[in-house]
Amino acid sequence: MSVAEMQACLARLYVDGALRRLLTLEPETVLGAYRLSAEEARALRDLDRRALERFASSLKSKRRRRFAATYPLLFRLASPAVERYYDRYYQLYPARPGGSFVTELLEFGRFMEESLAADDEAPPFAGDLARYERILFATRYAAVPPRWEETCQPAGAAAPPVAPEARPRLADGVVVGTFRTGILAIVEALEEGLPPPATGEGPYTLVFRPAQDAAGADAFYVTTATRRLLDACDGERTLADLIAAAERRQGGDGTAAAVAGAVQALVEYGILTTASGIGAEAGAGPGAPLPPDPEAWLPGGH
């Protein structure tokens, strides 16, 4: 018995509507591609076509619902392009038994983002929307409970001053993403059932941070200057290195205080951390909104 060959044939029939139609018209063409026993070939040839279609449709719908739970706004667009690329993904990437569904959700988001961004029939923001919901999911999934020591700190307590030798980096779970459209305004409109507004051409930089309750995520815009600072905070360079680089670029008048203040604020708002361990300070900080003009933290920061 060639069980693996029969399973492979069935798996493809479940996801490929054209192959199911060909099975009806030219069964030998379909079955000849597999090393099947005469009994297996006869069983596949005699499959109830309606039952096969119902089962294939139920598998596709079930998988779609799981994707739509993570990408609700994307599927709510009711765009033919979204449905078309879901069909393409479903055909190209069959579900892997025992595989990580989290990994699959992220892979699906990347596939949709790249496909929709290159499709002139899709809404102009559709690729950005797939990217937004993918990063939002990744940030929520990466949220970790605070350390015991953090829970013992007074509510709203400020983080200790960042030392010159500290090596700031993005806190665990924090993601910085660039978008072509003003995606936050588009998301807000879609959530309220309104037509998405036209936004100016980007780039727009967003920071995604696990929420304080570890059950969600915050997303907000940052300026070019803040993005440059976040890029420089790679866990290798010290605060003193960052200050020295900024002084060479911008001069020394007030630069050291501005850079130190910016890093301190980003640490307190859970965007940066000086901890070296994974998950040490993800989501730490008081959780209040960032100052309305982060660019003011860095002199001449355009």
Protein backbone atom coordinates (compact mmCIF):
# COMPACT_ATOMS: atom_id res chain seq x y z
CA MET A 1 0.00 0.00 0.00
CA SER A 2 1.38 3.41 -1.04
CA VAL A 3 -0.27 5.36 1.77
CA ALA A 4 2.01 8.40 1.37
CA GLU A 5 1.19 8.68 -2.36
CA MET A 6 -2.54 8.45 -1.73
CA GLN A 7 -2.35 11.05 1.05
CA ALA A 8 -0.34 13.35 -1.20
CA CYS A 9 -2.94 13.07 -3.94
CA LEU A 10 -5.81 13.73 -1.56
CA ALA A 11 -4.02 16.70 0.03
CA ARG A 12 -3.62 18.32 -3.37
CA LEU A 13 -7.19 17.57 -4.37
CA TYR A 14 -8.43 19.29 -1.22
CA VAL A 15 -6.75 22.60 -2.09
CA ASP A 16 -6.76 22.63 -5.91
CA GLY A 17 -10.15 23.12 -7.53
CA ALA A 18 -8.74 22.79 -11.05
CA LEU A 19 -7.25 19.40 -10.17
CA ARG A 20 -10.60 18.25 -8.81
CA ARG A 21 -12.26 19.19 -12.10
CA LEU A 22 -9.53 17.42 -14.05
CA LEU A 23 -10.09 14.31 -11.93
CA THR A 24 -13.64 14.20 -13.29
CA LEU A 25 -12.60 14.78 -16.89
CA GLU A 26 -9.31 12.88 -17.08
CA PRO A 27 -8.81 10.75 -13.95
CA GLU A 28 -5.87 8.86 -15.44
CA THR A 29 -3.97 12.13 -16.00
CA VAL A 30 -4.36 13.08 -12.35
CA LEU A 31 -3.80 9.67 -10.81
CA GLY A 32 -0.94 8.80 -13.15
CA ALA A 33 1.25 11.36 -11.40
CA TYR A 34 1.22 9.19 -8.24
CA ARG A 35 2.45 5.65 -7.54
CA LEU A 36 -0.88 4.16 -6.54
CA SER A 37 -2.02 0.60 -6.28
CA ALA A 38 -4.96 -0.40 -8.47
CA GLU A 39 -7.19 -0.43 -5.40
CA GLU A 40 -6.10 3.07 -4.35
CA ALA A 41 -6.53 4.47 -7.85
CA ARG A 42 -10.02 2.98 -8.06
CA ALA A 43 -10.94 4.46 -4.64
CA LEU A 44 -9.81 7.91 -5.73
CA ARG A 45 -11.54 7.63 -9.10
CA ASP A 46 -14.80 6.67 -7.37
CA LEU A 47 -14.76 9.50 -4.82
CA ASP A 48 -18.11 11.21 -4.33
CA ARG A 49 -17.45 14.49 -6.17
CA ARG A 50 -20.00 16.50 -4.21
CA ALA A 51 -18.71 15.24 -0.89
CA LEU A 52 -15.15 16.03 -2.05
CA GLU A 53 -16.16 19.61 -2.97
CA ARG A 54 -17.97 20.11 0.35
CA PHE A 55 -15.00 18.87 2.34
CA ALA A 56 -12.53 20.97 0.34
CA SER A 57 -14.74 24.04 0.80
CA SER A 58 -15.03 23.46 4.55
CA LEU A 59 -11.24 23.20 4.91
CA LYS A 60 -10.72 26.42 2.97
CA SER A 61 -13.37 28.29 4.98
CA LYS A 62 -12.02 27.06 8.29
CA ARG A 63 -8.49 28.18 7.44
CA ARG A 64 -9.79 31.53 6.18
CA ARG A 65 -11.59 32.15 9.48
CA ARG A 66 -8.35 31.59 11.38
CA PHE A 67 -6.53 34.11 9.21
CA ALA A 68 -9.40 36.60 9.40
CA ALA A 69 -9.27 36.48 13.21
CA THR A 70 -5.72 37.87 13.05
CA TYR A 71 -6.25 40.15 10.02
CA PRO A 72 -9.83 41.35 10.61
CA LEU A 73 -9.55 44.74 8.90
CA LEU A 74 -7.83 43.27 5.86
CA PHE A 75 -10.60 40.73 5.27
CA ARG A 76 -13.26 43.31 6.12
CA LEU A 77 -12.22 45.28 3.03
CA ALA A 78 -14.20 42.79 0.92
CA SER A 79 -11.69 43.48 -1.85
CA PRO A 80 -11.49 41.01 -4.75
CA ALA A 81 -7.70 41.37 -4.55
CA VAL A 82 -7.67 40.20 -0.93
CA GLU A 83 -9.76 37.15 -1.77
CA ARG A 84 -7.66 36.42 -4.85
CA TYR A 85 -4.41 36.42 -2.89
CA TYR A 86 -5.95 34.37 -0.11
CA ASP A 87 -6.79 31.79 -2.79
CA ARG A 88 -3.20 31.96 -4.09
CA TYR A 89 -1.76 31.49 -0.61
CA TYR A 90 -4.13 28.61 0.08
CA GLN A 91 -3.00 26.86 -3.09
CA LEU A 92 0.72 27.58 -2.71
CA TYR A 93 1.12 26.91 1.00
CA PRO A 94 -0.97 23.98 2.27
CA ALA A 95 -1.38 23.72 6.02
CA ARG A 96 1.49 21.84 7.64
CA PRO A 97 0.34 19.30 10.23
CA GLY A 98 2.19 19.93 13.46
CA GLY A 99 3.60 23.24 12.21
CA SER A 100 3.52 26.47 14.18
CA PHE A 101 0.32 28.35 13.46
CA VAL A 102 1.91 31.56 14.76
CA THR A 103 4.64 31.22 12.13
CA GLU A 104 2.02 30.59 9.47
CA LEU A 105 0.06 33.68 10.48
CA LEU A 106 3.17 35.82 10.13
CA GLU A 107 4.10 34.21 6.81
CA PHE A 108 0.57 34.84 5.52
CA GLY A 109 0.81 38.51 6.49
CA ARG A 110 4.10 38.92 4.63
CA PHE A 111 2.68 37.19 1.56
CA MET A 112 -0.40 39.42 1.55
CA GLU A 113 1.64 42.57 2.19
CA GLU A 114 4.01 41.91 -0.73
CA SER A 115 1.26 40.77 -3.09
CA LEU A 116 -1.17 43.61 -2.39
CA ALA A 117 1.52 46.30 -2.50
CA ALA A 118 2.31 45.32 -6.09
CA ASP A 119 -1.33 45.02 -7.25
CA ASP A 120 -2.77 48.17 -8.82
CA GLU A 121 -6.30 46.77 -8.45
CA ALA A 122 -6.00 46.55 -4.66
CA PRO A 123 -6.76 49.53 -2.42
CA PRO A 124 -3.59 51.66 -2.27
CA PHE A 125 -3.26 51.08 1.47
CA ALA A 126 -3.98 47.33 1.43
CA GLY A 127 -0.34 46.25 1.61
CA ASP A 128 0.26 48.62 4.52
CA LEU A 129 -2.84 47.27 6.26
CA ALA A 130 -1.54 43.69 6.02
CA ARG A 131 1.82 44.87 7.37
CA TYR A 132 0.15 46.77 10.22
CA GLU A 133 -1.96 43.83 11.35
CA ARG A 134 0.98 41.43 11.03
CA ILE A 135 3.25 43.57 13.20
CA LEU A 136 0.43 44.20 15.67
CA PHE A 137 -0.09 40.45 16.03
CA ALA A 138 3.66 39.83 16.43
CA THR A 139 3.86 42.51 19.12
CA ARG A 140 0.90 41.11 21.04
CA TYR A 141 2.29 37.61 20.80
CA ALA A 142 5.70 38.79 22.03
CA ALA A 143 4.24 40.47 25.12
CA VAL A 144 5.72 39.03 28.30
CA PRO A 145 4.64 39.42 31.92
CA PRO A 146 6.68 41.96 33.90
CA ARG A 147 9.40 40.72 36.19
CA TRP A 148 8.58 40.27 39.88
CA GLU A 149 10.96 43.14 40.72
CA GLU A 150 9.04 45.46 38.39
CA THR A 151 5.71 44.65 39.99
CA CYS A 152 7.15 45.72 43.33
CA GLN A 153 8.00 49.20 42.09
CA PRO A 154 5.57 52.02 42.94
CA ALA A 155 3.03 52.67 40.19
CA GLY A 156 4.35 55.19 37.68
CA ALA A 157 7.84 55.16 39.20
CA ALA A 158 10.45 56.57 36.84
CA ALA A 159 13.23 54.33 35.59
CA PRO A 160 16.66 55.01 37.09
CA PRO A 161 18.85 57.35 35.01
CA VAL A 162 20.51 55.68 32.05
CA ALA A 163 24.25 55.49 32.74
CA PRO A 164 26.76 56.66 30.11
CA GLU A 165 28.12 53.10 29.81
CA ALA A 166 24.64 51.58 29.31
CA ARG A 167 23.93 50.02 25.90
CA PRO A 168 20.32 50.82 25.00
CA ARG A 169 18.39 48.63 22.58
CA LEU A 170 14.78 48.08 21.58
CA ALA A 171 12.82 46.47 24.40
CA ASP A 172 11.68 42.91 23.75
CA GLY A 173 8.54 42.82 21.64
CA VAL A 174 8.98 46.39 20.35
CA VAL A 175 8.94 46.69 16.55
CA VAL A 176 9.68 49.71 14.38
CA GLY A 177 7.95 49.70 10.99
CA THR A 178 7.81 52.01 7.98
CA PHE A 179 4.60 52.57 6.00
CA ARG A 180 3.81 54.30 2.73
CA THR A 181 0.45 55.61 3.98
CA GLY A 182 -0.86 57.20 7.16
CA ILE A 183 -2.07 53.80 8.28
CA LEU A 184 -3.29 54.80 11.77
CA ALA A 185 -5.94 57.14 10.32
CA ILE A 186 -6.96 54.42 7.87
CA VAL A 187 -7.22 51.83 10.65
CA GLU A 188 -9.31 54.16 12.80
CA ALA A 189 -11.73 54.79 9.94
CA LEU A 190 -12.06 51.10 9.09
CA GLU A 191 -12.69 50.21 12.75
CA GLU A 192 -15.52 52.76 12.81
CA GLY A 193 -16.98 51.52 9.53
CA LEU A 194 -16.06 54.71 7.67
CA PRO A 195 -14.39 55.11 4.28
CA PRO A 196 -10.62 55.23 4.70
CA PRO A 197 -9.23 58.75 4.24
CA ALA A 198 -6.63 59.68 1.66
CA THR A 199 -3.29 60.26 3.36
CA GLY A 200 -0.14 61.90 2.08
CA GLU A 201 2.63 59.76 0.66
CA GLY A 202 5.03 58.55 3.38
CA PRO A 203 7.25 57.27 4.67
CA TYR A 204 5.57 57.09 8.06
CA THR A 205 7.41 55.41 10.93
CA LEU A 206 5.42 53.59 13.61
CA VAL A 207 6.59 52.05 16.86
CA PHE A 208 4.65 49.02 18.13
CA ARG A 209 4.92 48.27 21.84
CA PRO A 210 3.32 45.50 23.92
CA ALA A 211 0.57 47.01 26.06
CA GLN A 212 0.90 47.18 29.80
CA ASP A 213 -1.67 44.44 30.39
CA ALA A 214 0.24 42.08 28.04
CA ALA A 215 -3.02 41.49 26.13
CA GLY A 216 -2.60 44.03 23.37
CA ALA A 217 -0.25 46.45 21.72
CA ASP A 218 0.14 50.19 21.26
CA ALA A 219 1.15 51.76 17.95
CA PHE A 220 2.14 55.39 17.41
CA TYR A 221 4.05 57.55 14.99
CA VAL A 222 7.56 58.81 15.64
CA THR A 223 9.55 61.38 13.73
CA THR A 224 12.57 60.88 11.54
CA ALA A 225 14.85 62.03 14.36
CA THR A 226 13.42 59.51 16.82
CA ARG A 227 13.63 56.75 14.20
CA ARG A 228 17.29 57.57 13.67
CA LEU A 229 17.92 57.38 17.40
CA LEU A 230 16.10 54.04 17.68
CA ASP A 231 18.16 52.65 14.80
CA ALA A 232 21.34 53.74 16.58
CA CYS A 233 20.31 52.00 19.82
CA ASP A 234 21.51 48.57 18.75
CA GLY A 235 22.67 47.19 22.10
CA GLU A 236 26.29 47.59 21.04
CA ARG A 237 26.78 51.36 21.29
CA THR A 238 26.77 52.98 24.72
CA LEU A 239 24.88 56.13 25.59
CA ALA A 240 28.25 57.90 25.58
CA ASP A 241 28.82 56.65 22.01
CA LEU A 242 25.42 57.94 20.93
CA ILE A 243 26.10 61.34 22.45
CA ALA A 244 29.53 61.57 20.82
CA ALA A 245 28.09 60.69 17.40
CA ALA A 246 25.34 63.28 17.76
CA GLU A 247 27.82 65.96 18.83
CA ARG A 248 30.00 65.26 15.79
CA ARG A 249 26.96 65.59 13.55
CA GLN A 250 25.19 68.51 15.20
CA GLY A 251 27.66 70.29 17.45
CA GLY A 252 27.97 70.23 21.20
CA ASP A 253 25.53 72.92 22.34
CA GLY A 254 22.81 71.07 24.29
CA THR A 255 23.20 67.89 22.27
CA ALA A 256 24.36 65.68 25.14
CA ALA A 257 21.40 66.62 27.32
CA ALA A 258 18.96 66.18 24.43
CA VAL A 259 20.22 62.71 23.52
CA ALA A 260 20.37 61.56 27.14
CA GLY A 261 16.87 62.91 27.74
CA ALA A 262 15.51 61.21 24.63
CA VAL A 263 17.00 57.84 25.59
CA GLN A 264 15.75 58.22 29.17
CA ALA A 265 12.21 58.99 27.96
CA LEU A 266 12.21 56.06 25.55
CA VAL A 267 13.33 53.73 28.34
CA GLU A 268 10.58 55.02 30.65
CA TYR A 269 7.97 54.49 27.96
CA GLY A 270 9.06 50.90 27.38
CA ILE A 271 10.51 51.48 23.90
CA LEU A 272 14.16 51.03 24.82
CA THR A 273 15.83 48.94 27.48
CA THR A 274 19.35 48.72 28.85
CA ALA A 275 18.87 45.13 30.00
CA SER A 276 20.82 42.41 28.24
CA GLY A 277 18.48 39.50 29.05
CA ILE A 278 15.58 38.53 26.80
CA GLY A 279 12.26 39.74 28.12
CA ALA A 280 13.82 41.72 30.94
CA GLU A 281 11.99 44.97 30.46
CA ALA A 282 9.54 44.49 27.62
CA GLY A 283 6.60 46.79 28.11
CA ALA A 284 8.10 48.46 31.17
CA GLY A 285 7.36 52.07 31.94
CA PRO A 286 4.31 54.04 33.02
CA GLY A 287 2.47 53.47 29.75
CA ALA A 288 1.39 57.09 29.22
CA PRO A 289 1.35 58.55 25.70
CA LEU A 290 4.63 59.78 24.32
CA PRO A 291 5.19 63.54 24.30
CA PRO A 292 3.43 65.13 21.30
CA ASP A 293 6.69 66.25 19.70
CA PRO A 294 9.40 63.63 20.20
CA GLU A 295 11.50 65.42 17.60
CA ALA A 296 12.06 68.19 20.13
CA TRP A 297 14.27 65.75 22.04
CA LEU A 298 16.97 65.96 19.36
CA PRO A 299 18.27 69.31 18.08
CA GLY A 300 17.87 69.71 14.33
CA GLY A 301 16.40 66.24 14.07
CA HIS A 302 14.84 66.11 10.61
